[in-house]
């Protein structure tokens, strides 16, 4: 795909070792809140949107249903700066809320991860010093990140280095089934500076990987006008989970991104 001296490349494979980054999870606590007596006070819905790669660009809102009335509130940040959730939706119950003015403290403290916990089953709970508990079960999470690394072309003599590739990734995960759907765009840069780009989408399972389709849309220099299509397979081989200061977890993944049976052509 990148190497001009191999015209038979259209029916070969190309693969890339890549590094990905994403954010998921909440701070782990002692679990004592789950064991305390709870009195149901109301319910809560949360929606958070984060502007990717922009520091503390967390913007969220929610609705508290309490004593027959609904109250809108803002979420200062249940995510983390840099890579992170671009959208998170959750729902759950509120316990031990004796009066409305106690509620804002839950999210003020949760921003720092000091009182957040994981109680199993994809749920998280937050507790204030006054004893109010908010417990939510995350339904869907959307993670954004990047993949980058060296690009190789498979030939009869084995894989040959051809340049570098960078891919933007947007992935949605259903927290109940762990089903993953992802999409993005990739840009290839050959050793001689020629570039090509395209878009992809795939489906699979969280931490396992996905399979889908890649479509080459164009290029520059000797790759100008190039188009093509292949099967795309992402297989992570290792995950390194790092606890962040705000209580979230950063997942640095390494693996292989494979373009199988690539068919390359030129625009007519």
C-alpha atoms as a PDB file:
ATOM      1  CA  UNK A   1       0.000   0.000   0.000  1.00  0.00           C
ATOM      2  CA  UNK A   2       2.865   2.328   0.738  1.00  0.00           C
ATOM      3  CA  UNK A   3       5.741   0.706  -1.160  1.00  0.00           C
ATOM      4  CA  UNK A   4       5.676   1.692  -4.875  1.00  0.00           C
ATOM      5  CA  UNK A   5       7.841  -1.228  -6.082  1.00  0.00           C
ATOM      6  CA  UNK A   6       5.286  -3.890  -5.164  1.00  0.00           C
ATOM      7  CA  UNK A   7       2.305  -3.660  -7.563  1.00  0.00           C
ATOM      8  CA  UNK A   8       0.922  -6.959  -6.248  1.00  0.00           C
ATOM      9  CA  UNK A   9       0.282  -5.338  -2.879  1.00  0.00           C
ATOM     10  CA  UNK A  10      -3.417  -5.018  -3.641  1.00  0.00           C
ATOM     11  CA  UNK A  11      -4.026  -8.595  -2.551  1.00  0.00           C
ATOM     12  CA  UNK A  12      -1.547  -8.732   0.328  1.00  0.00           C
ATOM     13  CA  UNK A  13      -1.808  -7.841   3.993  1.00  0.00           C
ATOM     14  CA  UNK A  14      -0.575  -4.792   5.839  1.00  0.00           C
ATOM     15  CA  UNK A  15      -0.176  -4.594   9.589  1.00  0.00           C
ATOM     16  CA  UNK A  16       0.861  -2.080  12.208  1.00  0.00           C
ATOM     17  CA  UNK A  17       2.005  -2.258  15.807  1.00  0.00           C
ATOM     18  CA  UNK A  18       0.050   0.446  17.587  1.00  0.00           C
ATOM     19  CA  UNK A  19      -0.417   2.087  20.953  1.00  0.00           C
ATOM     20  CA  UNK A  20      -3.871   3.189  22.056  1.00  0.00           C
ATOM     21  CA  UNK A  21      -5.091   5.340  24.907  1.00  0.00           C
ATOM     22  CA  UNK A  22      -8.471   5.604  26.574  1.00  0.00           C
ATOM     23  CA  UNK A  23     -10.067   6.299  29.916  1.00  0.00           C
ATOM     24  CA  UNK A  24     -12.528   4.183  31.835  1.00  0.00           C
ATOM     25  CA  UNK A  25     -13.512   3.405  35.393  1.00  0.00           C
ATOM     26  CA  UNK A  26     -13.909   5.143  38.733  1.00  0.00           C
ATOM     27  CA  UNK A  27     -11.949   5.108  41.972  1.00  0.00           C
ATOM     28  CA  UNK A  28     -12.169   1.916  43.983  1.00  0.00           C
ATOM     29  CA  UNK A  29     -13.385   2.322  47.554  1.00  0.00           C
ATOM     30  CA  UNK A  30     -13.711   0.158  50.613  1.00  0.00           C
ATOM     31  CA  UNK A  31     -17.288  -0.789  49.800  1.00  0.00           C
ATOM     32  CA  UNK A  32     -18.543   0.318  53.221  1.00  0.00           C
ATOM     33  CA  UNK A  33     -21.256   2.487  51.666  1.00  0.00           C
ATOM     34  CA  UNK A  34     -22.846  -0.542  50.067  1.00  0.00           C
ATOM     35  CA  UNK A  35     -23.092  -2.243  53.446  1.00  0.00           C
ATOM     36  CA  UNK A  36     -24.799   0.660  55.239  1.00  0.00           C
ATOM     37  CA  UNK A  37     -28.551   0.885  55.646  1.00  0.00           C
ATOM     38  CA  UNK A  38     -30.148   2.795  52.788  1.00  0.00           C
ATOM     39  CA  UNK A  39     -33.415   4.680  52.656  1.00  0.00           C
ATOM     40  CA  UNK A  40     -34.497   5.360  49.071  1.00  0.00           C
ATOM     41  CA  UNK A  41     -34.958   9.109  48.576  1.00  0.00           C
ATOM     42  CA  UNK A  42     -35.247   9.486  44.798  1.00  0.00           C
ATOM     43  CA  UNK A  43     -33.701   8.670  41.437  1.00  0.00           C
ATOM     44  CA  UNK A  44     -31.102  10.350  39.250  1.00  0.00           C
ATOM     45  CA  UNK A  45     -30.171  10.459  35.549  1.00  0.00           C
ATOM     46  CA  UNK A  46     -26.730  11.710  34.461  1.00  0.00           C
ATOM     47  CA  UNK A  47     -25.337  12.682  31.075  1.00  0.00           C
ATOM     48  CA  UNK A  48     -21.766  13.888  30.749  1.00  0.00           C
ATOM     49  CA  UNK A  49     -19.983  15.165  27.665  1.00  0.00           C
ATOM     50  CA  UNK A  50     -16.235  15.733  27.529  1.00  0.00           C
ATOM     51  CA  UNK A  51     -14.361  17.687  24.896  1.00  0.00           C
ATOM     52  CA  UNK A  52     -11.547  15.308  24.018  1.00  0.00           C
ATOM     53  CA  UNK A  53      -7.938  16.405  24.508  1.00  0.00           C
ATOM     54  CA  UNK A  54      -8.925  19.699  26.207  1.00  0.00           C
ATOM     55  CA  UNK A  55      -7.631  19.593  29.787  1.00  0.00           C
ATOM     56  CA  UNK A  56     -10.569  19.639  32.184  1.00  0.00           C
ATOM     57  CA  UNK A  57     -13.172  20.047  29.463  1.00  0.00           C
ATOM     58  CA  UNK A  58     -15.859  18.106  31.309  1.00  0.00           C
ATOM     59  CA  UNK A  59     -19.406  19.342  30.817  1.00  0.00           C
ATOM     60  CA  UNK A  60     -22.324  17.388  32.177  1.00  0.00           C
ATOM     61  CA  UNK A  61     -25.823  17.617  33.541  1.00  0.00           C
ATOM     62  CA  UNK A  62     -28.399  15.475  35.211  1.00  0.00           C
ATOM     63  CA  UNK A  63     -31.860  15.355  36.703  1.00  0.00           C
ATOM     64  CA  UNK A  64     -32.688  14.520  40.306  1.00  0.00           C
ATOM     65  CA  UNK A  65     -36.201  13.189  40.887  1.00  0.00           C
ATOM     66  CA  UNK A  66     -36.979  13.949  44.532  1.00  0.00           C
ATOM     67  CA  UNK A  67     -40.300  14.051  46.420  1.00  0.00           C
ATOM     68  CA  UNK A  68     -42.344  14.190  43.231  1.00  0.00           C
ATOM     69  CA  UNK A  69     -40.363  17.004  41.610  1.00  0.00           C
ATOM     70  CA  UNK A  70     -37.471  17.137  39.134  1.00  0.00           C
ATOM     71  CA  UNK A  71     -34.319  19.228  39.654  1.00  0.00           C
ATOM     72  CA  UNK A  72     -31.648  19.850  37.017  1.00  0.00           C
ATOM     73  CA  UNK A  73     -28.017  19.959  38.155  1.00  0.00           C
ATOM     74  CA  UNK A  74     -24.579  20.278  36.576  1.00  0.00           C
ATOM     75  CA  UNK A  75     -21.735  17.763  36.753  1.00  0.00           C
ATOM     76  CA  UNK A  76     -18.326  19.330  37.240  1.00  0.00           C
ATOM     77  CA  UNK A  77     -16.334  16.306  36.122  1.00  0.00           C
ATOM     78  CA  UNK A  78     -16.666  12.561  36.544  1.00  0.00           C
ATOM     79  CA  UNK A  79     -14.064  12.037  33.823  1.00  0.00           C
ATOM     80  CA  UNK A  80     -10.469  13.112  33.360  1.00  0.00           C
ATOM     81  CA  UNK A  81      -8.607  15.683  31.280  1.00  0.00           C
ATOM     82  CA  UNK A  82      -7.015  14.599  28.015  1.00  0.00           C
ATOM     83  CA  UNK A  83      -8.302  11.338  26.599  1.00  0.00           C
ATOM     84  CA  UNK A  84     -11.548  10.264  28.200  1.00  0.00           C
ATOM     85  CA  UNK A  85     -15.237   9.726  27.961  1.00  0.00           C
ATOM     86  CA  UNK A  86     -16.701  11.875  25.205  1.00  0.00           C
ATOM     87  CA  UNK A  87     -20.143  10.853  26.418  1.00  0.00           C
ATOM     88  CA  UNK A  88     -21.359   8.940  29.447  1.00  0.00           C
ATOM     89  CA  UNK A  89     -24.955   8.138  30.389  1.00  0.00           C
ATOM     90  CA  UNK A  90     -26.001   6.695  33.741  1.00  0.00           C
ATOM     91  CA  UNK A  91     -29.081   6.186  35.852  1.00  0.00           C
ATOM     92  CA  UNK A  92     -29.631   5.139  39.460  1.00  0.00           C
ATOM     93  CA  UNK A  93     -31.060   5.731  42.908  1.00  0.00           C
ATOM     94  CA  UNK A  94     -30.408   8.286  45.630  1.00  0.00           C
ATOM     95  CA  UNK A  95     -30.427   7.120  49.247  1.00  0.00           C
ATOM     96  CA  UNK A  96     -30.506   8.907  52.614  1.00  0.00           C
ATOM     97  CA  UNK A  97     -31.108  12.364  51.138  1.00  0.00           C
ATOM     98  CA  UNK A  98     -32.899  14.121  53.986  1.00  0.00           C
ATOM     99  CA  UNK A  99     -33.135  17.532  52.326  1.00  0.00           C
ATOM    100  CA  UNK A 100     -32.429  18.941  48.879  1.00  0.00           C
ATOM    101  CA  UNK A 101     -29.518  21.157  49.920  1.00  0.00           C
ATOM    102  CA  UNK A 102     -27.428  18.064  50.757  1.00  0.00           C
ATOM    103  CA  UNK A 103     -27.363  16.883  47.146  1.00  0.00           C
ATOM    104  CA  UNK A 104     -24.740  19.199  45.528  1.00  0.00           C
ATOM    105  CA  UNK A 105     -22.045  17.912  47.884  1.00  0.00           C
ATOM    106  CA  UNK A 106     -22.116  14.517  46.214  1.00  0.00           C
ATOM    107  CA  UNK A 107     -20.748  15.826  42.928  1.00  0.00           C
ATOM    108  CA  UNK A 108     -18.457  18.418  44.459  1.00  0.00           C
ATOM    109  CA  UNK A 109     -16.554  15.659  46.236  1.00  0.00           C
ATOM    110  CA  UNK A 110     -16.821  13.127  43.427  1.00  0.00           C
ATOM    111  CA  UNK A 111     -14.781  15.388  41.134  1.00  0.00           C
ATOM    112  CA  UNK A 112     -11.664  14.421  43.076  1.00  0.00           C
ATOM    113  CA  UNK A 113     -12.488  10.729  43.305  1.00  0.00           C
ATOM    114  CA  UNK A 114     -12.247  10.837  47.109  1.00  0.00           C
ATOM    115  CA  UNK A 115     -15.573   9.154  47.736  1.00  0.00           C
ATOM    116  CA  UNK A 116     -16.230   7.223  44.535  1.00  0.00           C
ATOM    117  CA  UNK A 117     -16.358   3.457  44.539  1.00  0.00           C
ATOM    118  CA  UNK A 118     -17.093   0.410  42.434  1.00  0.00           C
ATOM    119  CA  UNK A 119     -19.639  -1.976  43.895  1.00  0.00           C
ATOM    120  CA  UNK A 120     -19.552  -4.567  41.112  1.00  0.00           C
ATOM    121  CA  UNK A 121     -21.845  -5.201  38.177  1.00  0.00           C
ATOM    122  CA  UNK A 122     -20.739  -2.098  36.304  1.00  0.00           C
ATOM    123  CA  UNK A 123     -22.117   0.177  39.023  1.00  0.00           C
ATOM    124  CA  UNK A 124     -20.567   3.030  40.948  1.00  0.00           C
ATOM    125  CA  UNK A 125     -21.574   4.784  44.130  1.00  0.00           C
ATOM    126  CA  UNK A 126     -20.804   8.220  45.557  1.00  0.00           C
ATOM    127  CA  UNK A 127     -21.233   9.207  49.208  1.00  0.00           C
ATOM    128  CA  UNK A 128     -21.103  12.517  51.073  1.00  0.00           C
ATOM    129  CA  UNK A 129     -19.997  13.073  54.647  1.00  0.00           C
ATOM    130  CA  UNK A 130     -23.657  13.549  55.622  1.00  0.00           C
ATOM    131  CA  UNK A 131     -24.397   9.974  54.529  1.00  0.00           C
ATOM    132  CA  UNK A 132     -26.228  10.677  51.266  1.00  0.00           C
ATOM    133  CA  UNK A 133     -25.536   7.941  48.711  1.00  0.00           C
ATOM    134  CA  UNK A 134     -25.944   8.169  44.934  1.00  0.00           C
ATOM    135  CA  UNK A 135     -25.623   4.829  43.174  1.00  0.00           C
ATOM    136  CA  UNK A 136     -25.655   4.665  39.374  1.00  0.00           C
ATOM    137  CA  UNK A 137     -25.278   1.901  36.823  1.00  0.00           C
ATOM    138  CA  UNK A 138     -23.496   3.070  33.717  1.00  0.00           C
ATOM    139  CA  UNK A 139     -25.330   1.983  30.575  1.00  0.00           C
ATOM    140  CA  UNK A 140     -23.004   3.065  27.810  1.00  0.00           C
ATOM    141  CA  UNK A 141     -19.580   4.667  27.626  1.00  0.00           C
ATOM    142  CA  UNK A 142     -17.824   6.297  24.722  1.00  0.00           C
ATOM    143  CA  UNK A 143     -14.028   6.450  24.731  1.00  0.00           C
ATOM    144  CA  UNK A 144     -11.853   8.483  22.382  1.00  0.00           C
ATOM    145  CA  UNK A 145      -8.158   8.000  21.760  1.00  0.00           C
ATOM    146  CA  UNK A 146      -5.450   7.419  19.180  1.00  0.00           C
ATOM    147  CA  UNK A 147      -3.524   4.533  17.660  1.00  0.00           C
ATOM    148  CA  UNK A 148      -0.045   5.148  16.268  1.00  0.00           C
ATOM    149  CA  UNK A 149       2.967   3.137  15.237  1.00  0.00           C
ATOM    150  CA  UNK A 150       5.171   1.782  12.427  1.00  0.00           C
ATOM    151  CA  UNK A 151       3.524   0.445   9.294  1.00  0.00           C
ATOM    152  CA  UNK A 152       4.627  -2.762   7.536  1.00  0.00           C
ATOM    153  CA  UNK A 153       3.770  -4.356   4.209  1.00  0.00           C
ATOM    154  CA  UNK A 154       3.691  -8.148   4.029  1.00  0.00           C
ATOM    155  CA  UNK A 155       5.616  -9.511   1.034  1.00  0.00           C
ATOM    156  CA  UNK A 156       6.957 -12.883  -0.089  1.00  0.00           C
ATOM    157  CA  UNK A 157      10.109 -12.011   1.867  1.00  0.00           C
ATOM    158  CA  UNK A 158       8.164 -11.239   5.033  1.00  0.00           C
ATOM    159  CA  UNK A 159       6.960  -7.945   6.569  1.00  0.00           C
ATOM    160  CA  UNK A 160       8.814  -4.890   5.232  1.00  0.00           C
ATOM    161  CA  UNK A 161       8.817  -1.478   7.007  1.00  0.00           C
ATOM    162  CA  UNK A 162       6.975   1.100   4.890  1.00  0.00           C
ATOM    163  CA  UNK A 163       6.322   4.141   7.113  1.00  0.00           C
ATOM    164  CA  UNK A 164       4.065   5.192   9.977  1.00  0.00           C
ATOM    165  CA  UNK A 165       0.331   5.318  10.579  1.00  0.00           C
ATOM    166  CA  UNK A 166      -1.861   7.261  12.985  1.00  0.00           C
ATOM    167  CA  UNK A 167      -5.543   6.566  13.619  1.00  0.00           C
ATOM    168  CA  UNK A 168      -8.205   8.468  15.523  1.00  0.00           C
ATOM    169  CA  UNK A 169     -10.563   6.191  17.472  1.00  0.00           C
ATOM    170  CA  UNK A 170     -14.069   6.678  18.807  1.00  0.00           C
ATOM    171  CA  UNK A 171     -15.434   3.585  20.578  1.00  0.00           C
ATOM    172  CA  UNK A 172     -18.758   2.871  22.278  1.00  0.00           C
ATOM    173  CA  UNK A 173     -19.145   0.058  24.799  1.00  0.00           C
ATOM    174  CA  UNK A 174     -22.333  -1.398  26.234  1.00  0.00           C
ATOM    175  CA  UNK A 175     -21.443  -2.093  29.860  1.00  0.00           C
ATOM    176  CA  UNK A 176     -23.872  -5.002  30.184  1.00  0.00           C
ATOM    177  CA  UNK A 177     -22.946  -7.055  27.106  1.00  0.00           C
ATOM    178  CA  UNK A 178     -19.411  -5.595  26.681  1.00  0.00           C
ATOM    179  CA  UNK A 179     -20.204  -5.230  22.978  1.00  0.00           C
ATOM    180  CA  UNK A 180     -17.917  -2.706  21.303  1.00  0.00           C
ATOM    181  CA  UNK A 181     -18.508  -0.605  18.202  1.00  0.00           C
ATOM    182  CA  UNK A 182     -15.789   1.721  16.963  1.00  0.00           C
ATOM    183  CA  UNK A 183     -15.003   4.005  14.049  1.00  0.00           C
ATOM    184  CA  UNK A 184     -12.346   6.470  13.019  1.00  0.00           C
ATOM    185  CA  UNK A 185      -9.889   7.634  10.386  1.00  0.00           C
ATOM    186  CA  UNK A 186      -6.279   6.707   9.621  1.00  0.00           C
ATOM    187  CA  UNK A 187      -3.456   8.587   7.923  1.00  0.00           C
ATOM    188  CA  UNK A 188      -0.445   6.751   6.471  1.00  0.00           C
ATOM    189  CA  UNK A 189       2.925   8.416   5.829  1.00  0.00           C
ATOM    190  CA  UNK A 190       5.461   6.552   3.687  1.00  0.00           C
ATOM    191  CA  UNK A 191       9.219   6.867   4.110  1.00  0.00           C
ATOM    192  CA  UNK A 192       9.384   9.174   1.074  1.00  0.00           C
ATOM    193  CA  UNK A 193       6.706  11.516   2.479  1.00  0.00           C
ATOM    194  CA  UNK A 194       3.756  10.348   0.373  1.00  0.00           C
ATOM    195  CA  UNK A 195       0.541  10.108   2.374  1.00  0.00           C
ATOM    196  CA  UNK A 196      -2.791   8.306   2.169  1.00  0.00           C
ATOM    197  CA  UNK A 197      -5.892   8.358   4.336  1.00  0.00           C
ATOM    198  CA  UNK A 198      -9.179   6.594   4.867  1.00  0.00           C
ATOM    199  CA  UNK A 199     -11.991   5.772   7.272  1.00  0.00           C
ATOM    200  CA  UNK A 200     -12.949   2.591   9.120  1.00  0.00           C
ATOM    201  CA  UNK A 201     -15.532   1.022  11.382  1.00  0.00           C
ATOM    202  CA  UNK A 202     -15.607  -2.241  13.335  1.00  0.00           C
ATOM    203  CA  UNK A 203     -17.511  -4.240  15.946  1.00  0.00           C
ATOM    204  CA  UNK A 204     -16.363  -6.636  18.658  1.00  0.00           C
ATOM    205  CA  UNK A 205     -15.926  -6.866  22.410  1.00  0.00           C
ATOM    206  CA  UNK A 206     -14.227  -4.701  25.010  1.00  0.00           C
ATOM    207  CA  UNK A 207     -10.571  -5.687  25.669  1.00  0.00           C
ATOM    208  CA  UNK A 208     -10.822  -8.372  22.953  1.00  0.00           C
ATOM    209  CA  UNK A 209     -10.803  -6.254  19.792  1.00  0.00           C
ATOM    210  CA  UNK A 210     -12.961  -5.791  16.732  1.00  0.00           C
ATOM    211  CA  UNK A 211     -13.319  -6.563  13.021  1.00  0.00           C
ATOM    212  CA  UNK A 212     -14.730  -4.335  10.294  1.00  0.00           C
ATOM    213  CA  UNK A 213     -14.036  -2.489   7.046  1.00  0.00           C
ATOM    214  CA  UNK A 214     -11.439   0.107   6.040  1.00  0.00           C
ATOM    215  CA  UNK A 215     -11.916   2.330   2.974  1.00  0.00           C
ATOM    216  CA  UNK A 216      -9.013   4.278   1.515  1.00  0.00           C
ATOM    217  CA  UNK A 217     -10.197   7.686   0.290  1.00  0.00           C
ATOM    218  CA  UNK A 218      -7.161   9.378  -1.261  1.00  0.00           C
ATOM    219  CA  UNK A 219      -3.540  10.413  -0.973  1.00  0.00           C
ATOM    220  CA  UNK A 220      -0.762  12.770  -1.985  1.00  0.00           C
ATOM    221  CA  UNK A 221       2.354  12.580  -4.184  1.00  0.00           C
ATOM    222  CA  UNK A 222       2.665   9.096  -5.732  1.00  0.00           C
ATOM    223  CA  UNK A 223      -0.441   8.014  -3.782  1.00  0.00           C
ATOM    224  CA  UNK A 224      -2.626  10.829  -5.142  1.00  0.00           C
ATOM    225  CA  UNK A 225      -5.998   9.470  -6.202  1.00  0.00           C
ATOM    226  CA  UNK A 226      -5.465   6.109  -4.509  1.00  0.00           C
ATOM    227  CA  UNK A 227      -8.594   4.279  -3.362  1.00  0.00           C
ATOM    228  CA  UNK A 228      -9.092   0.842  -1.893  1.00  0.00           C
ATOM    229  CA  UNK A 229     -10.800  -1.353   0.650  1.00  0.00           C
ATOM    230  CA  UNK A 230      -9.846  -4.073   3.105  1.00  0.00           C
ATOM    231  CA  UNK A 231     -10.965  -5.988   6.153  1.00  0.00           C
ATOM    232  CA  UNK A 232      -9.705  -4.262   9.304  1.00  0.00           C
ATOM    233  CA  UNK A 233      -8.902  -6.197  12.482  1.00  0.00           C
ATOM    234  CA  UNK A 234      -7.803  -4.646  15.800  1.00  0.00           C
ATOM    235  CA  UNK A 235      -6.316  -7.073  18.345  1.00  0.00           C
ATOM    236  CA  UNK A 236      -4.956  -5.611  21.598  1.00  0.00           C
ATOM    237  CA  UNK A 237      -2.202  -7.785  23.067  1.00  0.00           C
ATOM    238  CA  UNK A 238      -1.612  -6.043  26.405  1.00  0.00           C
ATOM    239  CA  UNK A 239      -3.312  -3.508  28.661  1.00  0.00           C
ATOM    240  CA  UNK A 240      -1.637  -1.335  31.276  1.00  0.00           C
ATOM    241  CA  UNK A 241      -4.117   0.262  33.667  1.00  0.00           C
ATOM    242  CA  UNK A 242      -2.860   3.321  35.544  1.00  0.00           C
ATOM    243  CA  UNK A 243      -4.757   4.971  38.392  1.00  0.00           C
ATOM    244  CA  UNK A 244      -5.118   8.731  37.840  1.00  0.00           C
ATOM    245  CA  UNK A 245      -5.138  11.410  40.548  1.00  0.00           C
ATOM    246  CA  UNK A 246      -8.817  12.191  39.964  1.00  0.00           C
ATOM    247  CA  UNK A 247      -9.820   8.558  40.540  1.00  0.00           C
ATOM    248  CA  UNK A 248     -10.291   7.420  36.949  1.00  0.00           C
ATOM    249  CA  UNK A 249      -8.221   4.740  35.241  1.00  0.00           C
ATOM    250  CA  UNK A 250      -6.108   5.251  32.104  1.00  0.00           C
ATOM    251  CA  UNK A 251      -5.845   2.248  29.797  1.00  0.00           C
ATOM    252  CA  UNK A 252      -2.703   2.180  27.642  1.00  0.00           C
ATOM    253  CA  UNK A 253      -3.119  -0.681  25.181  1.00  0.00           C
ATOM    254  CA  UNK A 254      -0.656  -2.177  22.719  1.00  0.00           C
ATOM    255  CA  UNK A 255      -1.578  -4.502  19.904  1.00  0.00           C
ATOM    256  CA  UNK A 256      -1.765  -5.110  16.168  1.00  0.00           C
ATOM    257  CA  UNK A 257      -3.968  -3.382  13.611  1.00  0.00           C
ATOM    258  CA  UNK A 258      -4.290  -5.559  10.510  1.00  0.00           C
ATOM    259  CA  UNK A 259      -5.525  -4.649   7.020  1.00  0.00           C
ATOM    260  CA  UNK A 260      -6.357  -8.010   5.429  1.00  0.00           C
ATOM    261  CA  UNK A 261      -6.685  -8.636   1.660  1.00  0.00           C
ATOM    262  CA  UNK A 262      -6.169  -4.991   0.783  1.00  0.00           C
ATOM    263  CA  UNK A 263      -7.329  -4.126  -2.734  1.00  0.00           C
ATOM    264  CA  UNK A 264      -5.671  -0.966  -4.010  1.00  0.00           C
ATOM    265  CA  UNK A 265      -6.685   0.968  -7.116  1.00  0.00           C
ATOM    266  CA  UNK A 266      -6.511   4.454  -8.619  1.00  0.00           C
ATOM    267  CA  UNK A 267      -9.422   6.793  -9.245  1.00  0.00           C
ATOM    268  CA  UNK A 268     -10.472   6.870 -12.871  1.00  0.00           C
END
